[in-house]
């Protein structure tokens, strides 16, 4: 096994974990939206609350936060 394979594998693993975490946040945000009776205009509130709830119970929170910080710098 070469170092490139290991690096590529780690990168792909992190990417997959982030996609799964985002899917959980998206699902929870949708649940919150449905619980509110599907009232429009509070999507950001739903997302932030869902993100907070999901990350509270996830060991991936540091990885997620690091990605968010990178995205802010890129903007």
C-alpha atoms as a PDB file:
ATOM      1  CA  UNK A   1       0.000   0.000   0.000  1.00  0.00           C
ATOM      2  CA  UNK A   2       1.390   3.405  -0.942  1.00  0.00           C
ATOM      3  CA  UNK A   3       1.032   6.673   0.904  1.00  0.00           C
ATOM      4  CA  UNK A   4      -1.115   8.086  -1.895  1.00  0.00           C
ATOM      5  CA  UNK A   5      -3.584   5.250  -1.476  1.00  0.00           C
ATOM      6  CA  UNK A   6      -3.771   5.920   2.247  1.00  0.00           C
ATOM      7  CA  UNK A   7      -4.242   9.662   1.768  1.00  0.00           C
ATOM      8  CA  UNK A   8      -6.873   9.145  -0.917  1.00  0.00           C
ATOM      9  CA  UNK A   9      -8.695   6.623   1.222  1.00  0.00           C
ATOM     10  CA  UNK A  10      -8.709   8.963   4.225  1.00  0.00           C
ATOM     11  CA  UNK A  11      -9.978  11.830   2.108  1.00  0.00           C
ATOM     12  CA  UNK A  12     -12.765   9.704   0.662  1.00  0.00           C
ATOM     13  CA  UNK A  13     -13.710   8.450   4.121  1.00  0.00           C
ATOM     14  CA  UNK A  14     -13.948  12.011   5.476  1.00  0.00           C
ATOM     15  CA  UNK A  15     -16.032  13.032   2.466  1.00  0.00           C
ATOM     16  CA  UNK A  16     -18.439  10.146   3.031  1.00  0.00           C
ATOM     17  CA  UNK A  17     -18.745  10.933   6.737  1.00  0.00           C
ATOM     18  CA  UNK A  18     -19.519  14.568   5.965  1.00  0.00           C
ATOM     19  CA  UNK A  19     -22.163  13.556   3.432  1.00  0.00           C
ATOM     20  CA  UNK A  20     -23.804  11.260   5.975  1.00  0.00           C
ATOM     21  CA  UNK A  21     -23.742  13.949   8.624  1.00  0.00           C
ATOM     22  CA  UNK A  22     -25.250  16.498   6.254  1.00  0.00           C
ATOM     23  CA  UNK A  23     -27.966  14.010   5.344  1.00  0.00           C
ATOM     24  CA  UNK A  24     -28.828  13.632   9.049  1.00  0.00           C
ATOM     25  CA  UNK A  25     -29.010  17.413   9.458  1.00  0.00           C
ATOM     26  CA  UNK A  26     -31.164  17.734   6.346  1.00  0.00           C
ATOM     27  CA  UNK A  27     -33.520  14.994   7.604  1.00  0.00           C
ATOM     28  CA  UNK A  28     -33.841  16.589  11.035  1.00  0.00           C
ATOM     29  CA  UNK A  29     -34.467  20.032   9.491  1.00  0.00           C
ATOM     30  CA  UNK A  30     -37.241  18.500   7.398  1.00  0.00           C
ATOM     31  CA  UNK A  31     -38.757  16.927  10.523  1.00  0.00           C
ATOM     32  CA  UNK A  32     -38.738  20.307  12.260  1.00  0.00           C
ATOM     33  CA  UNK A  33     -40.371  21.910   9.216  1.00  0.00           C
ATOM     34  CA  UNK A  34     -43.074  19.236   9.218  1.00  0.00           C
ATOM     35  CA  UNK A  35     -43.604  19.606  12.984  1.00  0.00           C
ATOM     36  CA  UNK A  36     -44.217  23.339  12.475  1.00  0.00           C
ATOM     37  CA  UNK A  37     -46.951  22.545   9.970  1.00  0.00           C
ATOM     38  CA  UNK A  38     -44.739  23.238   6.931  1.00  0.00           C
ATOM     39  CA  UNK A  39     -44.880  26.993   7.465  1.00  0.00           C
ATOM     40  CA  UNK A  40     -42.486  28.732   5.073  1.00  0.00           C
ATOM     41  CA  UNK A  41     -39.883  31.314   6.077  1.00  0.00           C
ATOM     42  CA  UNK A  42     -38.082  29.591   8.943  1.00  0.00           C
ATOM     43  CA  UNK A  43     -35.807  27.310   6.953  1.00  0.00           C
ATOM     44  CA  UNK A  44     -32.624  28.771   8.401  1.00  0.00           C
ATOM     45  CA  UNK A  45     -33.944  28.357  11.950  1.00  0.00           C
ATOM     46  CA  UNK A  46     -34.803  24.739  11.194  1.00  0.00           C
ATOM     47  CA  UNK A  47     -31.362  24.107   9.711  1.00  0.00           C
ATOM     48  CA  UNK A  48     -29.463  25.706  12.595  1.00  0.00           C
ATOM     49  CA  UNK A  49     -31.506  23.826  15.189  1.00  0.00           C
ATOM     50  CA  UNK A  50     -31.117  20.545  13.307  1.00  0.00           C
ATOM     51  CA  UNK A  51     -27.385  21.086  12.924  1.00  0.00           C
ATOM     52  CA  UNK A  52     -27.057  21.784  16.638  1.00  0.00           C
ATOM     53  CA  UNK A  53     -29.070  18.711  17.625  1.00  0.00           C
ATOM     54  CA  UNK A  54     -27.255  16.365  15.271  1.00  0.00           C
ATOM     55  CA  UNK A  55     -23.785  17.636  16.135  1.00  0.00           C
ATOM     56  CA  UNK A  56     -24.460  17.444  19.856  1.00  0.00           C
ATOM     57  CA  UNK A  57     -24.619  13.670  19.575  1.00  0.00           C
ATOM     58  CA  UNK A  58     -21.973  13.191  16.900  1.00  0.00           C
ATOM     59  CA  UNK A  59     -18.290  12.468  17.270  1.00  0.00           C
ATOM     60  CA  UNK A  60     -17.909  14.099  13.862  1.00  0.00           C
ATOM     61  CA  UNK A  61     -18.679  17.594  15.190  1.00  0.00           C
ATOM     62  CA  UNK A  62     -15.023  18.766  15.039  1.00  0.00           C
ATOM     63  CA  UNK A  63     -14.768  17.630  11.417  1.00  0.00           C
ATOM     64  CA  UNK A  64     -18.031  19.421  10.542  1.00  0.00           C
ATOM     65  CA  UNK A  65     -16.932  22.627  12.297  1.00  0.00           C
ATOM     66  CA  UNK A  66     -13.607  22.580  10.497  1.00  0.00           C
ATOM     67  CA  UNK A  67     -15.394  22.296   7.141  1.00  0.00           C
ATOM     68  CA  UNK A  68     -17.716  25.181   8.046  1.00  0.00           C
ATOM     69  CA  UNK A  69     -14.725  27.360   8.942  1.00  0.00           C
ATOM     70  CA  UNK A  70     -13.049  26.556   5.612  1.00  0.00           C
ATOM     71  CA  UNK A  71     -16.215  27.467   3.717  1.00  0.00           C
ATOM     72  CA  UNK A  72     -16.420  30.839   5.517  1.00  0.00           C
ATOM     73  CA  UNK A  73     -12.839  31.647   4.579  1.00  0.00           C
ATOM     74  CA  UNK A  74     -13.539  30.779   0.928  1.00  0.00           C
ATOM     75  CA  UNK A  75     -16.471  33.230   0.767  1.00  0.00           C
END
